[in-house]
PDB file of all heavy atoms in Angstrom:
ATOM      1  N   ASP A   1      52.751  75.194 -67.574  1.00  0.00           N
ATOM      2  CA  ASP A   1      54.062  75.450 -66.980  1.00  0.00           C
ATOM      3  C   ASP A   1      54.387  74.593 -65.759  1.00  0.00           C
ATOM      4  O   ASP A   1      55.501  74.669 -65.237  1.00  0.00           O
ATOM      5  CB  ASP A   1      54.164  76.926 -66.570  1.00  0.00           C
ATOM      6  CG  ASP A   1      54.002  77.864 -67.760  1.00  0.00           C
ATOM      7  OD1 ASP A   1      54.456  77.488 -68.856  1.00  0.00           O
ATOM      8  OD2 ASP A   1      53.417  78.944 -67.595  1.00  0.00           O
ATOM      9  N   GLY A   2      53.455  73.819 -65.260  1.00  0.00           N
ATOM     10  CA  GLY A   2      53.715  73.011 -64.078  1.00  0.00           C
ATOM     11  C   GLY A   2      53.891  73.867 -62.835  1.00  0.00           C
ATOM     12  O   GLY A   2      53.367  74.975 -62.737  1.00  0.00           O
ATOM     13  N   LEU A   3      54.646  73.367 -61.891  1.00  0.00           N
ATOM     14  CA  LEU A   3      54.921  74.089 -60.650  1.00  0.00           C
ATOM     15  C   LEU A   3      56.191  74.922 -60.811  1.00  0.00           C
ATOM     16  O   LEU A   3      57.148  74.487 -61.450  1.00  0.00           O
ATOM     17  CB  LEU A   3      55.108  73.108 -59.488  1.00  0.00           C
ATOM     18  CG  LEU A   3      53.897  72.261 -59.096  1.00  0.00           C
ATOM     19  CD1 LEU A   3      54.287  71.225 -58.044  1.00  0.00           C
ATOM     20  CD2 LEU A   3      52.766  73.134 -58.584  1.00  0.00           C
ATOM     21  N   SER A   4      56.205  76.092 -60.212  1.00  0.00           N
ATOM     22  CA  SER A   4      57.396  76.937 -60.244  1.00  0.00           C
ATOM     23  C   SER A   4      58.457  76.364 -59.304  1.00  0.00           C
ATOM     24  O   SER A   4      58.167  75.520 -58.454  1.00  0.00           O
ATOM     25  CB  SER A   4      57.052  78.363 -59.814  1.00  0.00           C
ATOM     26  OG  SER A   4      56.706  78.385 -58.426  1.00  0.00           O
ATOM     27  N   ASN A   5      59.680  76.837 -59.454  1.00  0.00           N
ATOM     28  CA  ASN A   5      60.748  76.408 -58.552  1.00  0.00           C
ATOM     29  C   ASN A   5      60.420  76.769 -57.103  1.00  0.00           C
ATOM     30  O   ASN A   5      60.735  76.015 -56.179  1.00  0.00           O
ATOM     31  CB  ASN A   5      62.077  77.046 -58.965  1.00  0.00           C
ATOM     32  CG  ASN A   5      62.644  76.444 -60.231  1.00  0.00           C
ATOM     33  OD1 ASN A   5      62.367  75.297 -60.552  1.00  0.00           O
ATOM     34  ND2 ASN A   5      63.427  77.212 -60.958  1.00  0.00           N
ATOM     35  N   GLU A   6      59.790  77.929 -56.910  1.00  0.00           N
ATOM     36  CA  GLU A   6      59.420  78.332 -55.557  1.00  0.00           C
ATOM     37  C   GLU A   6      58.389  77.380 -54.959  1.00  0.00           C
ATOM     38  O   GLU A   6      58.457  77.016 -53.778  1.00  0.00           O
ATOM     39  CB  GLU A   6      58.868  79.767 -55.559  1.00  0.00           C
ATOM     40  CG  GLU A   6      59.900  80.843 -55.840  1.00  0.00           C
ATOM     41  CD  GLU A   6      60.272  80.935 -57.321  1.00  0.00           C
ATOM     42  OE1 GLU A   6      59.560  80.326 -58.177  1.00  0.00           O
ATOM     43  OE2 GLU A   6      61.288  81.596 -57.634  1.00  0.00           O
ATOM     44  N   GLU A   7      57.419  76.957 -55.772  1.00  0.00           N
ATOM     45  CA  GLU A   7      56.392  76.024 -55.298  1.00  0.00           C
ATOM     46  C   GLU A   7      56.983  74.647 -55.027  1.00  0.00           C
ATOM     47  O   GLU A   7      56.652  74.005 -54.028  1.00  0.00           O
ATOM     48  CB  GLU A   7      55.259  75.944 -56.321  1.00  0.00           C
ATOM     49  CG  GLU A   7      54.431  77.223 -56.374  1.00  0.00           C
ATOM     50  CD  GLU A   7      53.602  77.366 -57.633  1.00  0.00           C
ATOM     51  OE1 GLU A   7      53.877  76.655 -58.632  1.00  0.00           O
ATOM     52  OE2 GLU A   7      52.670  78.202 -57.642  1.00  0.00           O
ATOM     53  N   ILE A   8      57.877  74.202 -55.911  1.00  0.00           N
ATOM     54  CA  ILE A   8      58.576  72.934 -55.670  1.00  0.00           C
ATOM     55  C   ILE A   8      59.350  73.004 -54.362  1.00  0.00           C
ATOM     56  O   ILE A   8      59.412  72.046 -53.592  1.00  0.00           O
ATOM     57  CB  ILE A   8      59.526  72.604 -56.838  1.00  0.00           C
ATOM     58  CG1 ILE A   8      58.734  72.182 -58.086  1.00  0.00           C
ATOM     59  CG2 ILE A   8      60.518  71.509 -56.452  1.00  0.00           C
ATOM     60  CD1 ILE A   8      58.119  70.807 -58.033  1.00  0.00           C
ATOM     61  N   GLY A   9      59.932  74.178 -54.091  1.00  0.00           N
ATOM     62  CA  GLY A   9      60.713  74.356 -52.876  1.00  0.00           C
ATOM     63  C   GLY A   9      59.900  74.222 -51.605  1.00  0.00           C
ATOM     64  O   GLY A   9      60.455  73.952 -50.540  1.00  0.00           O
ATOM     65  N   LEU A  10      58.588  74.408 -51.689  1.00  0.00           N
ATOM     66  CA  LEU A  10      57.722  74.260 -50.523  1.00  0.00           C
ATOM     67  C   LEU A  10      57.396  72.792 -50.228  1.00  0.00           C
ATOM     68  O   LEU A  10      56.900  72.471 -49.145  1.00  0.00           O
ATOM     69  CB  LEU A  10      56.402  75.019 -50.743  1.00  0.00           C
ATOM     70  CG  LEU A  10      56.499  76.536 -50.862  1.00  0.00           C
ATOM     71  CD1 LEU A  10      55.147  77.120 -51.256  1.00  0.00           C
ATOM     72  CD2 LEU A  10      56.981  77.149 -49.557  1.00  0.00           C
ATOM     73  N   CYS A  11      57.676  71.922 -51.190  1.00  0.00           N
ATOM     74  CA  CYS A  11      57.282  70.514 -51.069  1.00  0.00           C
ATOM     75  C   CYS A  11      58.346  69.697 -50.333  1.00  0.00           C
ATOM     76  O   CYS A  11      59.540  70.000 -50.392  1.00  0.00           O
ATOM     77  CB  CYS A  11      57.041  69.912 -52.452  1.00  0.00           C
ATOM     78  SG  CYS A  11      55.665  70.698 -53.351  1.00  0.00           S
ATOM     79  N   ASP A  12      57.896  68.647 -49.665  1.00  0.00           N
ATOM     80  CA  ASP A  12      58.806  67.751 -48.959  1.00  0.00           C
ATOM     81  C   ASP A  12      59.511  66.808 -49.911  1.00  0.00           C
ATOM     82  O   ASP A  12      60.603  66.315 -49.625  1.00  0.00           O
ATOM     83  CB  ASP A  12      58.039  66.935 -47.917  1.00  0.00           C
ATOM     84  CG  ASP A  12      57.456  67.810 -46.831  1.00  0.00           C
ATOM     85  OD1 ASP A  12      58.250  68.443 -46.107  1.00  0.00           O
ATOM     86  OD2 ASP A  12      56.227  67.882 -46.715  1.00  0.00           O
ATOM     87  N   MET A  13      58.882  66.502 -51.024  1.00  0.00           N
ATOM     88  CA  MET A  13      59.458  65.598 -52.016  1.00  0.00           C
ATOM     89  C   MET A  13      58.792  65.852 -53.354  1.00  0.00           C
ATOM     90  O   MET A  13      57.777  66.552 -53.429  1.00  0.00           O
ATOM     91  CB  MET A  13      59.273  64.137 -51.598  1.00  0.00           C
ATOM     92  CG  MET A  13      57.828  63.697 -51.592  1.00  0.00           C
ATOM     93  SD  MET A  13      57.552  62.245 -50.595  1.00  0.00           S
ATOM     94  CE  MET A  13      57.599  63.010 -48.971  1.00  0.00           C
ATOM     95  N   VAL A  14      59.375  65.283 -54.400  1.00  0.00           N
ATOM     96  CA  VAL A  14      58.852  65.454 -55.753  1.00  0.00           C
ATOM     97  C   VAL A  14      58.695  64.076 -56.385  1.00  0.00           C
ATOM     98  O   VAL A  14      59.542  63.196 -56.215  1.00  0.00           O
ATOM     99  CB  VAL A  14      59.812  66.322 -56.607  1.00  0.00           C
ATOM    100  CG1 VAL A  14      59.316  66.408 -58.046  1.00  0.00           C
ATOM    101  CG2 VAL A  14      59.953  67.712 -56.017  1.00  0.00           C
ATOM    102  N   VAL A  15      57.604  63.884 -57.117  1.00  0.00           N
ATOM    103  CA  VAL A  15      57.372  62.638 -57.832  1.00  0.00           C
ATOM    104  C   VAL A  15      57.234  62.950 -59.316  1.00  0.00           C
ATOM    105  O   VAL A  15      56.695  63.994 -59.696  1.00  0.00           O
ATOM    106  CB  VAL A  15      56.111  61.906 -57.300  1.00  0.00           C
ATOM    107  CG1 VAL A  15      54.856  62.724 -57.542  1.00  0.00           C
ATOM    108  CG2 VAL A  15      55.984  60.526 -57.909  1.00  0.00           C
ATOM    109  N   SER A  16      57.767  62.058 -60.162  1.00  0.00           N
ATOM    110  CA  SER A  16      57.715  62.259 -61.604  1.00  0.00           C
ATOM    111  C   SER A  16      57.438  60.928 -62.278  1.00  0.00           C
ATOM    112  O   SER A  16      57.972  59.891 -61.874  1.00  0.00           O
ATOM    113  CB  SER A  16      59.032  62.845 -62.112  1.00  0.00           C
ATOM    114  OG  SER A  16      58.960  63.149 -63.493  1.00  0.00           O
ATOM    115  N   VAL A  17      56.597  60.952 -63.311  1.00  0.00           N
ATOM    116  CA  VAL A  17      56.276  59.739 -64.066  1.00  0.00           C
ATOM    117  C   VAL A  17      57.281  59.593 -65.204  1.00  0.00           C
ATOM    118  O   VAL A  17      57.417  60.505 -66.026  1.00  0.00           O
ATOM    119  CB  VAL A  17      54.847  59.810 -64.640  1.00  0.00           C
ATOM    120  CG1 VAL A  17      54.545  58.564 -65.460  1.00  0.00           C
ATOM    121  CG2 VAL A  17      53.830  59.979 -63.511  1.00  0.00           C
ATOM    122  N   PRO A  18      58.024  58.472 -65.270  1.00  0.00           N
ATOM    123  CA  PRO A  18      58.973  58.286 -66.369  1.00  0.00           C
ATOM    124  C   PRO A  18      58.239  58.233 -67.712  1.00  0.00           C
ATOM    125  O   PRO A  18      57.248  57.520 -67.859  1.00  0.00           O
ATOM    126  CB  PRO A  18      59.625  56.927 -66.051  1.00  0.00           C
ATOM    127  CG  PRO A  18      59.356  56.695 -64.602  1.00  0.00           C
ATOM    128  CD  PRO A  18      58.037  57.345 -64.319  1.00  0.00           C
ATOM    129  N   THR A  19      58.716  59.007 -68.670  1.00  0.00           N
ATOM    130  CA  THR A  19      58.084  59.076 -69.988  1.00  0.00           C
ATOM    131  C   THR A  19      59.156  59.085 -71.076  1.00  0.00           C
ATOM    132  O   THR A  19      60.348  59.190 -70.801  1.00  0.00           O
ATOM    133  CB  THR A  19      57.232  60.362 -70.110  1.00  0.00           C
ATOM    134  OG1 THR A  19      58.044  61.489 -69.782  1.00  0.00           O
ATOM    135  CG2 THR A  19      56.024  60.324 -69.191  1.00  0.00           C
ATOM    136  N   SER A  20      58.719  59.030 -72.302  1.00  0.00           N
ATOM    137  CA  SER A  20      59.622  59.081 -73.439  1.00  0.00           C
ATOM    138  C   SER A  20      60.259  60.458 -73.564  1.00  0.00           C
ATOM    139  O   SER A  20      59.591  61.490 -73.360  1.00  0.00           O
ATOM    140  CB  SER A  20      58.852  58.758 -74.727  1.00  0.00           C
ATOM    141  OG  SER A  20      59.626  59.076 -75.874  1.00  0.00           O
ATOM    142  N   GLU A  21      61.557  60.495 -73.890  1.00  0.00           N
ATOM    143  CA  GLU A  21      62.229  61.775 -74.101  1.00  0.00           C
ATOM    144  C   GLU A  21      61.642  62.524 -75.295  1.00  0.00           C
ATOM    145  O   GLU A  21      61.738  63.744 -75.377  1.00  0.00           O
ATOM    146  CB  GLU A  21      63.725  61.545 -74.320  1.00  0.00           C
ATOM    147  CG  GLU A  21      64.461  61.038 -73.077  1.00  0.00           C
ATOM    148  CD  GLU A  21      65.945  60.879 -73.319  1.00  0.00           C
ATOM    149  OE1 GLU A  21      66.391  61.177 -74.456  1.00  0.00           O
ATOM    150  OE2 GLU A  21      66.647  60.463 -72.383  1.00  0.00           O
ATOM    151  N   GLU A  22      61.032  61.780 -76.221  1.00  0.00           N
ATOM    152  CA  GLU A  22      60.465  62.403 -77.413  1.00  0.00           C
ATOM    153  C   GLU A  22      59.282  63.308 -77.073  1.00  0.00           C
ATOM    154  O   GLU A  22      59.072  64.335 -77.715  1.00  0.00           O
ATOM    155  CB  GLU A  22      60.020  61.317 -78.391  1.00  0.00           C
ATOM    156  CG  GLU A  22      59.505  61.842 -79.711  1.00  0.00           C
ATOM    157  CD  GLU A  22      59.152  60.714 -80.667  1.00  0.00           C
ATOM    158  OE1 GLU A  22      59.503  59.551 -80.375  1.00  0.00           O
ATOM    159  OE2 GLU A  22      58.516  61.001 -81.698  1.00  0.00           O
ATOM    160  N   TYR A  23      58.506  62.908 -76.035  1.00  0.00           N
ATOM    161  CA  TYR A  23      57.341  63.713 -75.634  1.00  0.00           C
ATOM    162  C   TYR A  23      57.128  63.482 -74.141  1.00  0.00           C
ATOM    163  O   TYR A  23      56.266  62.718 -73.727  1.00  0.00           O
ATOM    164  CB  TYR A  23      56.114  63.282 -76.437  1.00  0.00           C
ATOM    165  CG  TYR A  23      54.918  64.206 -76.299  1.00  0.00           C
ATOM    166  CD1 TYR A  23      55.060  65.538 -75.920  1.00  0.00           C
ATOM    167  CD2 TYR A  23      53.637  63.738 -76.562  1.00  0.00           C
ATOM    168  CE1 TYR A  23      53.972  66.378 -75.801  1.00  0.00           C
ATOM    169  CE2 TYR A  23      52.530  64.576 -76.448  1.00  0.00           C
ATOM    170  CZ  TYR A  23      52.702  65.887 -76.071  1.00  0.00           C
ATOM    171  OH  TYR A  23      51.614  66.720 -75.949  1.00  0.00           O
ATOM    172  N   PRO A  24      57.919  64.153 -73.290  1.00  0.00           N
ATOM    173  CA  PRO A  24      57.969  63.811 -71.872  1.00  0.00           C
ATOM    174  C   PRO A  24      56.828  64.348 -71.017  1.00  0.00           C
ATOM    175  O   PRO A  24      56.551  63.810 -69.948  1.00  0.00           O
ATOM    176  CB  PRO A  24      59.298  64.423 -71.410  1.00  0.00           C
ATOM    177  CG  PRO A  24      59.490  65.589 -72.330  1.00  0.00           C
ATOM    178  CD  PRO A  24      58.937  65.163 -73.659  1.00  0.00           C
ATOM    179  N   ILE A  25      56.160  65.415 -71.457  1.00  0.00           N
ATOM    180  CA  ILE A  25      55.169  66.079 -70.602  1.00  0.00           C
ATOM    181  C   ILE A  25      53.807  65.429 -70.784  1.00  0.00           C
ATOM    182  O   ILE A  25      53.269  65.369 -71.896  1.00  0.00           O
ATOM    183  CB  ILE A  25      55.089  67.580 -70.896  1.00  0.00           C
ATOM    184  CG1 ILE A  25      56.472  68.221 -70.780  1.00  0.00           C
ATOM    185  CG2 ILE A  25      54.108  68.251 -69.943  1.00  0.00           C
ATOM    186  CD1 ILE A  25      57.114  68.063 -69.423  1.00  0.00           C
ATOM    187  N   MET A  26      53.225  64.959 -69.665  1.00  0.00           N
ATOM    188  CA  MET A  26      51.933  64.287 -69.712  1.00  0.00           C
ATOM    189  C   MET A  26      50.804  65.258 -69.370  1.00  0.00           C
ATOM    190  O   MET A  26      51.010  66.244 -68.657  1.00  0.00           O
ATOM    191  CB  MET A  26      51.883  63.137 -68.699  1.00  0.00           C
ATOM    192  CG  MET A  26      52.883  62.039 -68.922  1.00  0.00           C
ATOM    193  SD  MET A  26      52.639  60.683 -67.751  1.00  0.00           S
ATOM    194  CE  MET A  26      51.084  60.008 -68.380  1.00  0.00           C
ATOM    195  N   ASN A  27      49.618  64.941 -69.860  1.00  0.00           N
ATOM    196  CA  ASN A  27      48.423  65.632 -69.394  1.00  0.00           C
ATOM    197  C   ASN A  27      48.276  65.377 -67.897  1.00  0.00           C
ATOM    198  O   ASN A  27      48.529  64.277 -67.411  1.00  0.00           O
ATOM    199  CB  ASN A  27      47.201  65.101 -70.151  1.00  0.00           C
ATOM    200  CG  ASN A  27      45.914  65.760 -69.697  1.00  0.00           C
ATOM    201  OD1 ASN A  27      45.359  65.405 -68.662  1.00  0.00           O
ATOM    202  ND2 ASN A  27      45.443  66.711 -70.468  1.00  0.00           N
ATOM    203  N   ILE A  28      47.867  66.399 -67.173  1.00  0.00           N
ATOM    204  CA  ILE A  28      47.816  66.304 -65.717  1.00  0.00           C
ATOM    205  C   ILE A  28      46.945  65.148 -65.236  1.00  0.00           C
ATOM    206  O   ILE A  28      47.302  64.441 -64.292  1.00  0.00           O
ATOM    207  CB  ILE A  28      47.330  67.631 -65.099  1.00  0.00           C
ATOM    208  CG1 ILE A  28      47.262  67.505 -63.580  1.00  0.00           C
ATOM    209  CG2 ILE A  28      46.011  68.074 -65.670  1.00  0.00           C
ATOM    210  CD1 ILE A  28      46.893  68.780 -62.881  1.00  0.00           C
ATOM    211  N   THR A  29      45.811  64.918 -65.890  1.00  0.00           N
ATOM    212  CA  THR A  29      44.921  63.869 -65.410  1.00  0.00           C
ATOM    213  C   THR A  29      45.488  62.475 -65.694  1.00  0.00           C
ATOM    214  O   THR A  29      45.249  61.544 -64.930  1.00  0.00           O
ATOM    215  CB  THR A  29      43.528  64.003 -66.035  1.00  0.00           C
ATOM    216  OG1 THR A  29      43.639  64.046 -67.468  1.00  0.00           O
ATOM    217  CG2 THR A  29      42.860  65.284 -65.567  1.00  0.00           C
ATOM    218  N   HIS A  30      46.250  62.331 -66.776  1.00  0.00           N
ATOM    219  CA  HIS A  30      46.903  61.055 -67.052  1.00  0.00           C
ATOM    220  C   HIS A  30      47.965  60.767 -65.993  1.00  0.00           C
ATOM    221  O   HIS A  30      48.051  59.642 -65.469  1.00  0.00           O
ATOM    222  CB  HIS A  30      47.543  61.068 -68.443  1.00  0.00           C
ATOM    223  CG  HIS A  30      46.557  61.206 -69.546  1.00  0.00           C
ATOM    224  ND1 HIS A  30      46.918  61.460 -70.857  1.00  0.00           N
ATOM    225  CD2 HIS A  30      45.198  61.141 -69.551  1.00  0.00           C
ATOM    226  CE1 HIS A  30      45.842  61.536 -71.616  1.00  0.00           C
ATOM    227  NE2 HIS A  30      44.788  61.343 -70.848  1.00  0.00           N
ATOM    228  N   ALA A  31      48.777  61.784 -65.688  1.00  0.00           N
ATOM    229  CA  ALA A  31      49.806  61.617 -64.659  1.00  0.00           C
ATOM    230  C   ALA A  31      49.158  61.311 -63.310  1.00  0.00           C
ATOM    231  O   ALA A  31      49.637  60.452 -62.555  1.00  0.00           O
ATOM    232  CB  ALA A  31      50.659  62.877 -64.567  1.00  0.00           C
ATOM    233  N   ALA A  32      48.063  62.015 -62.999  1.00  0.00           N
ATOM    234  CA  ALA A  32      47.383  61.792 -61.725  1.00  0.00           C
ATOM    235  C   ALA A  32      46.885  60.365 -61.617  1.00  0.00           C
ATOM    236  O   ALA A  32      47.042  59.706 -60.571  1.00  0.00           O
ATOM    237  CB  ALA A  32      46.218  62.773 -61.579  1.00  0.00           C
ATOM    238  N   ALA A  33      46.288  59.847 -62.678  1.00  0.00           N
ATOM    239  CA  ALA A  33      45.752  58.484 -62.648  1.00  0.00           C
ATOM    240  C   ALA A  33      46.859  57.462 -62.405  1.00  0.00           C
ATOM    241  O   ALA A  33      46.668  56.492 -61.654  1.00  0.00           O
ATOM    242  CB  ALA A  33      45.018  58.175 -63.952  1.00  0.00           C
ATOM    243  N   ILE A  34      48.040  57.669 -63.020  1.00  0.00           N
ATOM    244  CA  ILE A  34      49.161  56.751 -62.812  1.00  0.00           C
ATOM    245  C   ILE A  34      49.618  56.786 -61.362  1.00  0.00           C
ATOM    246  O   ILE A  34      49.846  55.757 -60.728  1.00  0.00           O
ATOM    247  CB  ILE A  34      50.325  57.103 -63.764  1.00  0.00           C
ATOM    248  CG1 ILE A  34      49.939  56.775 -65.213  1.00  0.00           C
ATOM    249  CG2 ILE A  34      51.597  56.357 -63.367  1.00  0.00           C
ATOM    250  CD1 ILE A  34      50.930  57.272 -66.236  1.00  0.00           C
ATOM    251  N   ILE A  35      49.753  57.988 -60.814  1.00  0.00           N
ATOM    252  CA  ILE A  35      50.195  58.130 -59.419  1.00  0.00           C
ATOM    253  C   ILE A  35      49.173  57.509 -58.468  1.00  0.00           C
ATOM    254  O   ILE A  35      49.530  56.756 -57.554  1.00  0.00           O
ATOM    255  CB  ILE A  35      50.432  59.612 -59.086  1.00  0.00           C
ATOM    256  CG1 ILE A  35      51.637  60.145 -59.879  1.00  0.00           C
ATOM    257  CG2 ILE A  35      50.663  59.803 -57.583  1.00  0.00           C
ATOM    258  CD1 ILE A  35      51.801  61.657 -59.806  1.00  0.00           C
TER     259      ILE A  35
END
């Protein structure tokens, strides 16, 4: 489920990895490695 809206609200900023609309959600460790 990722982070809740409340948890996002605690953050100073949000980062997202651009992905294909066909399958947009990445495995957490893959996203972490890219960041």
